[in-house]
Amino acid sequence: MNHWDYFKISARKAIERGNNDRRGTLVGCVGLSEGKIIQSKNISSMGTSPSAHAEVRTLKKRGNISVLYVSRIAKKDGNFSLAKPCKNCMTRIRAYRVKKVYYTISNSEYGVICL
């Protein structure tokens, strides 16, 4: 699988939320751990709590994740947009000793943070 395959998996996870979410974009995250794919999405019921962020929710599911893929997808047209993890998420990502974080920037561009 290539990077875009993982972004697509995380986007599908984000879209599972349905149309009840009032926000214009949805965020999903995929973590790779010992050959397994761990997935999560943001949850709006927790408001702005960092624990609601897809990255943190993925890490809590399985602690030994080496790589994260984070995608933000627009509900109106399905396009990828900037999904760089926030400062609070990056603190947790470092604490869990994740080695790399890939995030969408647009439909044709992504970024990587090497830790």
Protein backbone atom coordinates (compact mmCIF):
# COMPACT_ATOMS: atom_id res chain seq x y z
CA MET A 1 0.00 0.00 0.00
CA ASN A 2 1.15 3.56 -0.65
CA HIS A 3 0.59 6.71 1.41
CA TRP A 4 -2.56 7.70 -0.50
CA ASP A 5 -4.13 4.29 0.21
CA TYR A 6 -3.79 4.98 3.95
CA PHE A 7 -5.16 8.52 3.54
CA LYS A 8 -8.19 7.07 1.74
CA ILE A 9 -8.77 4.56 4.55
CA SER A 10 -8.64 7.35 7.14
CA ALA A 11 -10.98 9.49 5.03
CA ARG A 12 -13.51 6.65 4.81
CA LYS A 13 -13.34 6.31 8.59
CA ALA A 14 -13.98 10.05 9.00
CA ILE A 15 -16.98 9.92 6.66
CA GLU A 16 -18.60 7.18 8.78
CA ARG A 17 -19.70 10.01 11.05
CA GLY A 18 -22.58 10.74 8.73
CA ASN A 19 -24.17 14.10 8.00
CA ASN A 20 -25.14 14.86 11.60
CA ASP A 21 -21.83 16.63 12.15
CA ARG A 22 -22.22 20.39 11.61
CA ARG A 23 -18.60 20.96 10.63
CA GLY A 24 -17.64 21.32 6.98
CA THR A 25 -14.67 18.95 7.24
CA LEU A 26 -14.13 15.61 8.92
CA VAL A 27 -10.87 14.14 10.24
CA GLY A 28 -9.80 10.52 10.28
CA CYS A 29 -6.62 8.81 11.38
CA VAL A 30 -4.91 5.50 10.63
CA GLY A 31 -2.13 4.08 12.75
CA LEU A 32 0.20 1.26 11.75
CA SER A 33 1.18 -1.14 14.51
CA GLU A 34 2.89 -4.48 13.98
CA GLY A 35 1.29 -4.92 10.56
CA LYS A 36 -2.19 -3.94 11.78
CA ILE A 37 -4.23 -0.89 10.79
CA ILE A 38 -5.82 0.98 13.69
CA GLN A 39 -8.48 3.58 12.74
CA SER A 40 -10.33 6.37 14.45
CA LYS A 41 -12.13 9.65 13.73
CA ASN A 42 -12.90 12.91 15.50
CA ILE A 43 -15.99 12.90 17.66
CA SER A 44 -17.94 16.14 17.95
CA SER A 45 -19.80 15.17 21.12
CA MET A 46 -16.66 15.93 23.14
CA GLY A 47 -16.42 19.49 21.82
CA THR A 48 -12.90 20.84 21.51
CA SER A 49 -11.28 18.38 23.92
CA PRO A 50 -7.98 17.00 22.55
CA SER A 51 -9.29 13.56 23.54
CA ALA A 52 -11.86 13.96 20.75
CA HIS A 53 -9.17 14.27 18.07
CA ALA A 54 -8.68 11.33 15.74
CA GLU A 55 -4.94 11.14 16.39
CA VAL A 56 -5.33 10.79 20.17
CA ARG A 57 -8.22 8.34 19.82
CA THR A 58 -6.11 6.17 17.50
CA LEU A 59 -3.16 6.17 19.90
CA LYS A 60 -5.38 5.20 22.83
CA LYS A 61 -6.65 2.14 20.94
CA ARG A 62 -3.17 0.67 20.71
CA GLY A 63 -0.13 2.27 22.29
CA ASN A 64 2.68 0.94 20.10
CA ILE A 65 1.93 2.74 16.84
CA SER A 66 4.94 3.61 14.68
CA VAL A 67 3.29 5.63 11.88
CA LEU A 68 0.15 7.80 11.75
CA TYR A 69 -1.78 8.98 8.68
CA VAL A 70 -4.15 11.91 9.27
CA SER A 71 -6.62 13.16 6.67
CA ARG A 72 -9.13 16.00 6.60
CA ILE A 73 -11.87 15.69 4.03
CA ALA A 74 -14.46 18.28 2.97
CA LYS A 75 -18.04 17.08 3.26
CA LYS A 76 -19.23 19.15 0.30
CA ASP A 77 -16.85 17.81 -2.36
CA GLY A 78 -14.72 15.05 -0.82
CA ASN A 79 -11.45 16.93 -1.33
CA PHE A 80 -8.53 16.54 1.04
CA SER A 81 -7.31 19.59 2.95
CA LEU A 82 -4.70 20.44 5.60
CA ALA A 83 -4.73 17.90 8.43
CA LYS A 84 -1.50 18.73 10.26
CA PRO A 85 -1.90 17.65 13.90
CA CYS A 86 -2.42 20.41 16.47
CA LYS A 87 0.09 21.18 19.22
CA ASN A 88 -1.79 19.08 21.81
CA CYS A 89 -1.94 16.08 19.49
CA MET A 90 1.77 16.43 18.69
CA THR A 91 2.56 16.33 22.42
CA ARG A 92 0.65 13.04 22.72
CA ILE A 93 2.18 11.67 19.52
CA ARG A 94 5.66 12.32 20.91
CA ALA A 95 4.72 10.75 24.26
CA TYR A 96 3.63 7.57 22.43
CA ARG A 97 6.96 7.60 20.51
CA VAL A 98 5.42 7.60 17.04
CA LYS A 99 8.19 7.76 14.44
CA LYS A 100 6.38 9.45 11.51
CA VAL A 101 3.17 11.38 10.96
CA TYR A 102 1.83 11.83 7.43
CA TYR A 103 -0.97 14.35 6.89
CA THR A 104 -2.96 15.59 3.92
CA ILE A 105 -2.44 19.08 2.54
CA SER A 106 -4.53 18.79 -0.65
CA ASN A 107 -5.65 16.11 -3.11
CA SER A 108 -2.15 15.98 -4.60
CA GLU A 109 0.10 16.90 -1.68
CA TYR A 110 0.87 15.57 1.77
CA GLY A 111 3.30 16.44 4.53
CA VAL A 112 5.41 14.32 6.85
CA ILE A 113 6.76 14.92 10.33
CA CYS A 114 9.69 12.72 11.32
CA LEU A 115 10.15 12.32 15.06
